Amino acid sequence: VQLQASGGGLVQVGGSLRVSCTASGGTIGSVVMAWFRQAPGKEREFVAAHSWSGRRTFYADSVKGRFTISRIGADNSIHLQMRSLKSEDTAVYFCAADLNDRTLITLPAVSSSWRYIYWGQGTLVTVSS
């Protein structure tokens, strides 16, 4: 399975942007898909996750209420709608899919990058003031 992220770009503080991730080379099905981000000089951090089977979403506290993760039907894509963007949201955003333990779908599990099997190449989001 290959993941392709798209939609990054330059946006002003307070603006909105949507990034998307499409899977190819296989069917994602009911697996968990997620977004992580990595700012310059910082470690990769969890942003949001979507569990298709459990119809659940998970968010980092830093983006809760501003970002929305979604997946439409059985589409092999997930989207991250970002609103009220802040300069600290500037980062490369990576999509990830499929946990190494599909039975463990909790916030601690879905927010752990090492649990994901597939990763996309990342898309840069720059929020300017």
N, C-alpha and C. Protein backbone atom coordinates (compact mmCIF):
# COMPACT_ATOMS: atom_id res chain seq x y z
N VAL A 1 0.84 -1.18 0.00
CA VAL A 1 0.00 0.00 0.00
C VAL A 1 0.88 1.24 0.00
N GLN A 2 0.57 2.16 -0.90
CA GLN A 2 1.28 3.44 -0.94
C GLN A 2 0.30 4.55 -0.56
N LEU A 3 0.80 5.49 0.22
CA LEU A 3 -0.01 6.62 0.65
C LEU A 3 0.54 7.89 0.01
N GLN A 4 -0.33 8.68 -0.56
CA GLN A 4 0.07 9.92 -1.22
C GLN A 4 -0.66 11.09 -0.58
N ALA A 5 0.10 11.96 0.05
CA ALA A 5 -0.48 13.14 0.68
C ALA A 5 -0.45 14.31 -0.30
N SER A 6 -1.44 15.17 -0.19
CA SER A 6 -1.53 16.34 -1.07
C SER A 6 -2.30 17.44 -0.37
N GLY A 7 -2.21 18.64 -0.94
CA GLY A 7 -3.02 19.75 -0.44
C GLY A 7 -2.30 20.74 0.44
N GLY A 8 -1.05 20.50 0.74
CA GLY A 8 -0.31 21.44 1.57
C GLY A 8 -0.06 22.74 0.82
N GLY A 9 0.40 23.74 1.55
CA GLY A 9 0.67 25.02 0.92
C GLY A 9 0.88 26.11 1.95
N LEU A 10 0.82 27.34 1.47
CA LEU A 10 1.03 28.52 2.31
C LEU A 10 -0.32 29.16 2.62
N VAL A 11 -0.55 29.43 3.89
CA VAL A 11 -1.80 30.05 4.31
C VAL A 11 -1.49 31.03 5.44
N GLN A 12 -2.32 32.04 5.56
CA GLN A 12 -2.11 33.03 6.62
C GLN A 12 -2.70 32.57 7.94
N VAL A 13 -2.20 33.13 9.00
CA VAL A 13 -2.75 32.84 10.32
C VAL A 13 -4.25 33.12 10.32
N GLY A 14 -5.00 32.18 10.88
CA GLY A 14 -6.44 32.30 10.92
C GLY A 14 -7.13 31.71 9.72
N GLY A 15 -6.37 31.32 8.74
CA GLY A 15 -6.94 30.76 7.52
C GLY A 15 -7.24 29.28 7.64
N SER A 16 -7.68 28.71 6.52
CA SER A 16 -8.05 27.30 6.47
C SER A 16 -7.32 26.61 5.33
N LEU A 17 -7.18 25.31 5.47
CA LEU A 17 -6.52 24.50 4.45
C LEU A 17 -6.97 23.06 4.64
N ARG A 18 -7.07 22.33 3.56
CA ARG A 18 -7.39 20.92 3.65
C ARG A 18 -6.30 20.09 2.99
N VAL A 19 -5.83 19.10 3.72
CA VAL A 19 -4.87 18.15 3.16
C VAL A 19 -5.55 16.79 3.04
N SER A 20 -5.12 16.04 2.04
CA SER A 20 -5.74 14.75 1.77
C SER A 20 -4.67 13.68 1.63
N CYS A 21 -5.09 12.45 1.85
CA CYS A 21 -4.18 11.31 1.71
C CYS A 21 -4.94 10.20 1.01
N THR A 22 -4.37 9.72 -0.08
CA THR A 22 -5.01 8.66 -0.86
C THR A 22 -4.14 7.42 -0.87
N ALA A 23 -4.76 6.29 -0.63
CA ALA A 23 -4.06 5.01 -0.64
C ALA A 23 -4.19 4.35 -2.00
N SER A 24 -3.12 3.71 -2.43
CA SER A 24 -3.16 2.96 -3.68
C SER A 24 -2.36 1.67 -3.52
N GLY A 25 -2.58 0.76 -4.42
CA GLY A 25 -1.85 -0.49 -4.36
C GLY A 25 -2.47 -1.48 -3.40
N GLY A 26 -3.64 -1.18 -2.90
CA GLY A 26 -4.31 -2.06 -1.97
C GLY A 26 -5.55 -1.39 -1.43
N THR A 27 -6.34 -2.12 -0.69
CA THR A 27 -7.56 -1.57 -0.10
C THR A 27 -7.36 -1.31 1.37
N ILE A 28 -7.65 -0.08 1.77
CA ILE A 28 -7.48 0.29 3.17
C ILE A 28 -8.55 -0.36 4.03
N GLY A 29 -9.75 -0.46 3.49
CA GLY A 29 -10.81 -1.12 4.23
C GLY A 29 -11.14 -0.42 5.53
N SER A 30 -11.16 -1.17 6.60
CA SER A 30 -11.62 -0.63 7.87
C SER A 30 -10.46 -0.26 8.80
N VAL A 31 -9.27 -0.06 8.28
CA VAL A 31 -8.14 0.22 9.15
C VAL A 31 -8.17 1.65 9.66
N VAL A 32 -7.39 1.91 10.67
CA VAL A 32 -7.23 3.25 11.18
C VAL A 32 -6.30 4.03 10.25
N MET A 33 -6.68 5.26 9.95
CA MET A 33 -5.81 6.17 9.21
C MET A 33 -5.61 7.42 10.05
N ALA A 34 -4.43 8.01 9.92
CA ALA A 34 -4.10 9.11 10.83
C ALA A 34 -3.22 10.14 10.16
N TRP A 35 -3.12 11.29 10.81
CA TRP A 35 -2.20 12.34 10.42
C TRP A 35 -1.24 12.62 11.57
N PHE A 36 0.01 12.75 11.22
CA PHE A 36 1.04 13.21 12.13
C PHE A 36 1.68 14.43 11.48
N ARG A 37 2.44 15.17 12.26
CA ARG A 37 3.16 16.30 11.69
C ARG A 37 4.51 16.45 12.36
N GLN A 38 5.42 17.07 11.64
CA GLN A 38 6.75 17.29 12.18
C GLN A 38 7.21 18.68 11.79
N ALA A 39 7.40 19.51 12.79
CA ALA A 39 7.90 20.86 12.58
C ALA A 39 9.42 20.84 12.57
N PRO A 40 10.05 21.84 11.97
CA PRO A 40 11.52 21.88 11.92
C PRO A 40 12.13 21.79 13.32
N GLY A 41 13.05 20.87 13.48
CA GLY A 41 13.74 20.73 14.75
C GLY A 41 12.96 20.05 15.85
N LYS A 42 11.78 19.55 15.51
CA LYS A 42 10.93 18.90 16.52
C LYS A 42 10.64 17.46 16.13
N GLU A 43 10.17 16.70 17.11
CA GLU A 43 9.80 15.32 16.84
C GLU A 43 8.43 15.24 16.16
N ARG A 44 8.21 14.14 15.50
CA ARG A 44 6.91 13.91 14.87
C ARG A 44 5.85 13.78 15.95
N GLU A 45 4.70 14.43 15.73
CA GLU A 45 3.65 14.38 16.72
C GLU A 45 2.32 14.02 16.09
N PHE A 46 1.48 13.42 16.89
CA PHE A 46 0.15 13.00 16.46
C PHE A 46 -0.75 14.20 16.27
N VAL A 47 -1.58 14.14 15.24
CA VAL A 47 -2.55 15.21 14.98
C VAL A 47 -3.98 14.68 15.13
N ALA A 48 -4.32 13.66 14.33
CA ALA A 48 -5.69 13.14 14.35
C ALA A 48 -5.71 11.75 13.74
N ALA A 49 -6.72 10.98 14.11
CA ALA A 49 -6.88 9.63 13.57
C ALA A 49 -8.35 9.32 13.35
N HIS A 50 -8.60 8.43 12.41
CA HIS A 50 -9.96 8.04 12.08
C HIS A 50 -10.04 6.51 12.05
N SER A 51 -10.99 5.99 12.82
CA SER A 51 -11.23 4.55 12.83
C SER A 51 -12.51 4.27 12.06
N TRP A 52 -12.36 3.67 10.89
CA TRP A 52 -13.55 3.42 10.07
C TRP A 52 -14.46 2.39 10.73
N SER A 53 -13.87 1.32 11.27
CA SER A 53 -14.68 0.25 11.83
C SER A 53 -15.46 0.70 13.04
N GLY A 54 -14.83 1.53 13.86
CA GLY A 54 -15.48 1.99 15.08
C GLY A 54 -16.18 3.32 14.93
N ARG A 55 -16.10 3.90 13.74
CA ARG A 55 -16.69 5.21 13.48
C ARG A 55 -16.25 6.20 14.55
N ARG A 56 -14.95 6.20 14.84
CA ARG A 56 -14.43 7.08 15.87
C ARG A 56 -13.35 7.97 15.30
N THR A 57 -13.22 9.16 15.91
CA THR A 57 -12.13 10.04 15.57
C THR A 57 -11.39 10.43 16.84
N PHE A 58 -10.12 10.72 16.68
CA PHE A 58 -9.27 11.08 17.80
C PHE A 58 -8.46 12.32 17.40
N TYR A 59 -8.24 13.19 18.37
CA TYR A 59 -7.51 14.42 18.08
C TYR A 59 -6.50 14.73 19.18
N ALA A 60 -5.41 15.35 18.79
CA ALA A 60 -4.49 15.92 19.75
C ALA A 60 -5.15 17.16 20.37
N ASP A 61 -4.85 17.42 21.61
CA ASP A 61 -5.45 18.58 22.28
C ASP A 61 -5.15 19.88 21.55
N SER A 62 -3.99 19.96 20.92
CA SER A 62 -3.57 21.20 20.28
C SER A 62 -4.40 21.55 19.04
N VAL A 63 -5.11 20.58 18.48
CA VAL A 63 -5.89 20.84 17.27
C VAL A 63 -7.39 20.62 17.48
N LYS A 64 -7.77 20.13 18.64
CA LYS A 64 -9.17 19.82 18.90
C LYS A 64 -10.02 21.07 18.75
N GLY A 65 -11.11 20.95 18.02
CA GLY A 65 -11.99 22.09 17.78
C GLY A 65 -11.61 22.91 16.56
N ARG A 66 -10.40 22.70 16.04
CA ARG A 66 -9.95 23.45 14.85
C ARG A 66 -9.78 22.55 13.63
N PHE A 67 -9.39 21.30 13.86
CA PHE A 67 -9.15 20.36 12.77
C PHE A 67 -10.23 19.29 12.77
N THR A 68 -10.56 18.82 11.57
CA THR A 68 -11.52 17.74 11.41
C THR A 68 -10.97 16.71 10.46
N ILE A 69 -10.90 15.46 10.93
CA ILE A 69 -10.46 14.36 10.08
C ILE A 69 -11.71 13.64 9.58
N SER A 70 -11.69 13.26 8.31
CA SER A 70 -12.87 12.60 7.75
C SER A 70 -12.48 11.60 6.68
N ARG A 71 -13.39 10.69 6.48
CA ARG A 71 -13.24 9.71 5.40
C ARG A 71 -14.62 9.51 4.82
N ILE A 72 -14.75 9.56 3.52
CA ILE A 72 -16.05 9.52 2.88
C ILE A 72 -16.33 8.11 2.39
N GLY A 73 -17.34 7.48 2.95
CA GLY A 73 -17.72 6.15 2.54
C GLY A 73 -16.56 5.19 2.68
N ALA A 74 -16.38 4.32 1.73
CA ALA A 74 -15.30 3.36 1.73
C ALA A 74 -14.14 3.86 0.88
N ASP A 75 -14.11 5.16 0.67
CA ASP A 75 -13.06 5.78 -0.13
C ASP A 75 -11.70 5.48 0.47
N ASN A 76 -10.73 5.29 -0.35
CA ASN A 76 -9.37 5.05 0.12
C ASN A 76 -8.63 6.35 0.42
N SER A 77 -9.37 7.33 0.90
CA SER A 77 -8.77 8.62 1.19
C SER A 77 -9.24 9.14 2.53
N ILE A 78 -8.36 9.88 3.18
CA ILE A 78 -8.77 10.63 4.36
C ILE A 78 -8.42 12.09 4.13
N HIS A 79 -9.15 12.94 4.81
CA HIS A 79 -8.95 14.37 4.65
C HIS A 79 -8.79 15.01 6.02
N LEU A 80 -8.01 16.05 6.06
CA LEU A 80 -7.84 16.80 7.29
C LEU A 80 -8.17 18.25 6.99
N GLN A 81 -9.31 18.69 7.45
CA GLN A 81 -9.71 20.08 7.29
C GLN A 81 -9.16 20.87 8.45
N MET A 82 -8.36 21.86 8.15
CA MET A 82 -7.71 22.65 9.19
C MET A 82 -8.26 24.08 9.15
N ARG A 83 -8.72 24.56 10.28
CA ARG A 83 -9.28 25.91 10.39
C ARG A 83 -8.56 26.66 11.49
N SER A 84 -8.73 27.97 11.48
CA SER A 84 -8.13 28.84 12.51
C SER A 84 -6.65 28.48 12.69
N LEU A 85 -5.96 28.39 11.60
CA LEU A 85 -4.57 27.96 11.63
C LEU A 85 -3.69 28.95 12.38
N LYS A 86 -2.72 28.40 13.08
CA LYS A 86 -1.77 29.18 13.85
C LYS A 86 -0.37 28.95 13.29
N SER A 87 0.53 29.84 13.61
CA SER A 87 1.90 29.70 13.11
C SER A 87 2.52 28.39 13.59
N GLU A 88 2.13 27.96 14.78
CA GLU A 88 2.68 26.71 15.32
C GLU A 88 2.14 25.46 14.63
N ASP A 89 1.20 25.63 13.72
CA ASP A 89 0.73 24.50 12.93
C ASP A 89 1.64 24.24 11.72
N THR A 90 2.59 25.11 11.52
CA THR A 90 3.53 24.93 10.41
C THR A 90 4.33 23.66 10.62
N ALA A 91 4.29 22.78 9.61
CA ALA A 91 4.96 21.49 9.72
C ALA A 91 4.78 20.71 8.43
N VAL A 92 5.51 19.64 8.32
CA VAL A 92 5.23 18.65 7.27
C VAL A 92 4.22 17.68 7.85
N TYR A 93 3.14 17.50 7.13
CA TYR A 93 2.06 16.62 7.59
C TYR A 93 2.17 15.28 6.86
N PHE A 94 2.19 14.22 7.67
CA PHE A 94 2.33 12.87 7.15
C PHE A 94 1.05 12.08 7.43
N CYS A 95 0.62 11.29 6.45
CA CYS A 95 -0.49 10.39 6.72
C CYS A 95 0.06 9.00 6.98
N ALA A 96 -0.68 8.26 7.78
CA ALA A 96 -0.28 6.91 8.16
C ALA A 96 -1.52 6.02 8.17
N ALA A 97 -1.29 4.73 7.97
CA ALA A 97 -2.43 3.82 7.93
C ALA A 97 -2.08 2.46 8.51
N ASP A 98 -3.09 1.84 9.10
CA ASP A 98 -3.05 0.46 9.57
C ASP A 98 -2.15 0.24 10.77
N LEU A 99 -2.78 0.00 11.90
CA LEU A 99 -2.05 -0.27 13.12
C LEU A 99 -1.52 -1.69 13.13
N ASN A 100 -0.37 -1.88 13.79
CA ASN A 100 0.18 -3.24 13.88
C ASN A 100 -0.65 -4.12 14.79
N ASP A 101 -1.54 -3.53 15.58
CA ASP A 101 -2.51 -4.28 16.38
C ASP A 101 -3.87 -3.66 16.11
N ARG A 102 -4.65 -4.29 15.24
CA ARG A 102 -5.93 -3.71 14.84
C ARG A 102 -6.99 -3.79 15.93
N THR A 103 -6.69 -4.54 16.98
CA THR A 103 -7.70 -4.66 18.05
C THR A 103 -7.57 -3.56 19.08
N LEU A 104 -6.46 -2.84 19.04
CA LEU A 104 -6.21 -1.82 20.05
C LEU A 104 -6.44 -0.44 19.44
N ILE A 105 -7.65 0.06 19.60
CA ILE A 105 -8.01 1.35 19.03
C ILE A 105 -8.39 2.27 20.16
N THR A 106 -7.37 2.83 20.78
CA THR A 106 -7.53 3.80 21.85
C THR A 106 -6.68 5.00 21.52
N LEU A 107 -6.89 6.11 22.20
CA LEU A 107 -6.10 7.31 21.91
C LEU A 107 -4.60 7.05 22.09
N PRO A 108 -4.17 6.42 23.18
CA PRO A 108 -2.73 6.16 23.30
C PRO A 108 -2.19 5.31 22.14
N ALA A 109 -3.00 4.39 21.65
CA ALA A 109 -2.54 3.52 20.57
C ALA A 109 -2.49 4.27 19.24
N VAL A 110 -3.57 4.95 18.90
CA VAL A 110 -3.61 5.60 17.58
C VAL A 110 -2.69 6.81 17.50
N SER A 111 -2.25 7.32 18.65
CA SER A 111 -1.37 8.48 18.64
C SER A 111 0.11 8.10 18.69
N SER A 112 0.38 6.81 18.65
CA SER A 112 1.77 6.32 18.68
C SER A 112 2.23 6.01 17.27
N SER A 113 3.20 6.77 16.78
CA SER A 113 3.62 6.63 15.38
C SER A 113 4.19 5.24 15.08
N TRP A 114 4.82 4.62 16.08
CA TRP A 114 5.47 3.33 15.82
C TRP A 114 4.47 2.22 15.55
N ARG A 115 3.20 2.46 15.85
CA ARG A 115 2.18 1.44 15.64
C ARG A 115 1.70 1.36 14.20
N TYR A 116 2.06 2.34 13.36
CA TYR A 116 1.53 2.37 12.00
C TYR A 116 2.45 1.64 11.02
N ILE A 117 1.82 0.94 10.10
CA ILE A 117 2.57 0.14 9.13
C ILE A 117 2.92 0.94 7.88
N TYR A 118 1.99 1.74 7.40
CA TYR A 118 2.19 2.45 6.13
C TYR A 118 2.27 3.96 6.38
N TRP A 119 3.16 4.60 5.63
CA TRP A 119 3.38 6.05 5.75
C TRP A 119 3.44 6.70 4.38
N GLY A 120 2.90 7.92 4.30
CA GLY A 120 3.04 8.72 3.10
C GLY A 120 4.29 9.58 3.18
N GLN A 121 4.54 10.33 2.12
CA GLN A 121 5.79 11.09 2.03
C GLN A 121 5.70 12.46 2.70
N GLY A 122 4.53 12.92 3.03
CA GLY A 122 4.39 14.21 3.71
C GLY A 122 4.07 15.35 2.76
N THR A 123 3.35 16.32 3.29
CA THR A 123 3.05 17.53 2.55
C THR A 123 3.25 18.72 3.48
N LEU A 124 3.89 19.76 2.97
CA LEU A 124 4.28 20.90 3.80
C LEU A 124 3.13 21.90 3.94
N VAL A 125 2.84 22.25 5.18
CA VAL A 125 1.87 23.30 5.48
C VAL A 125 2.62 24.42 6.18
N THR A 126 2.55 25.62 5.61
CA THR A 126 3.22 26.77 6.17
C THR A 126 2.18 27.83 6.51
N VAL A 127 2.15 28.22 7.78
CA VAL A 127 1.20 29.24 8.23
C VAL A 127 1.99 30.50 8.53
N SER A 128 1.71 31.54 7.78
CA SER A 128 2.47 32.78 7.92
C SER A 128 1.67 33.83 8.67
N SER A 129 2.39 34.65 9.42
CA SER A 129 1.73 35.71 10.20
C SER A 129 1.81 37.04 9.47
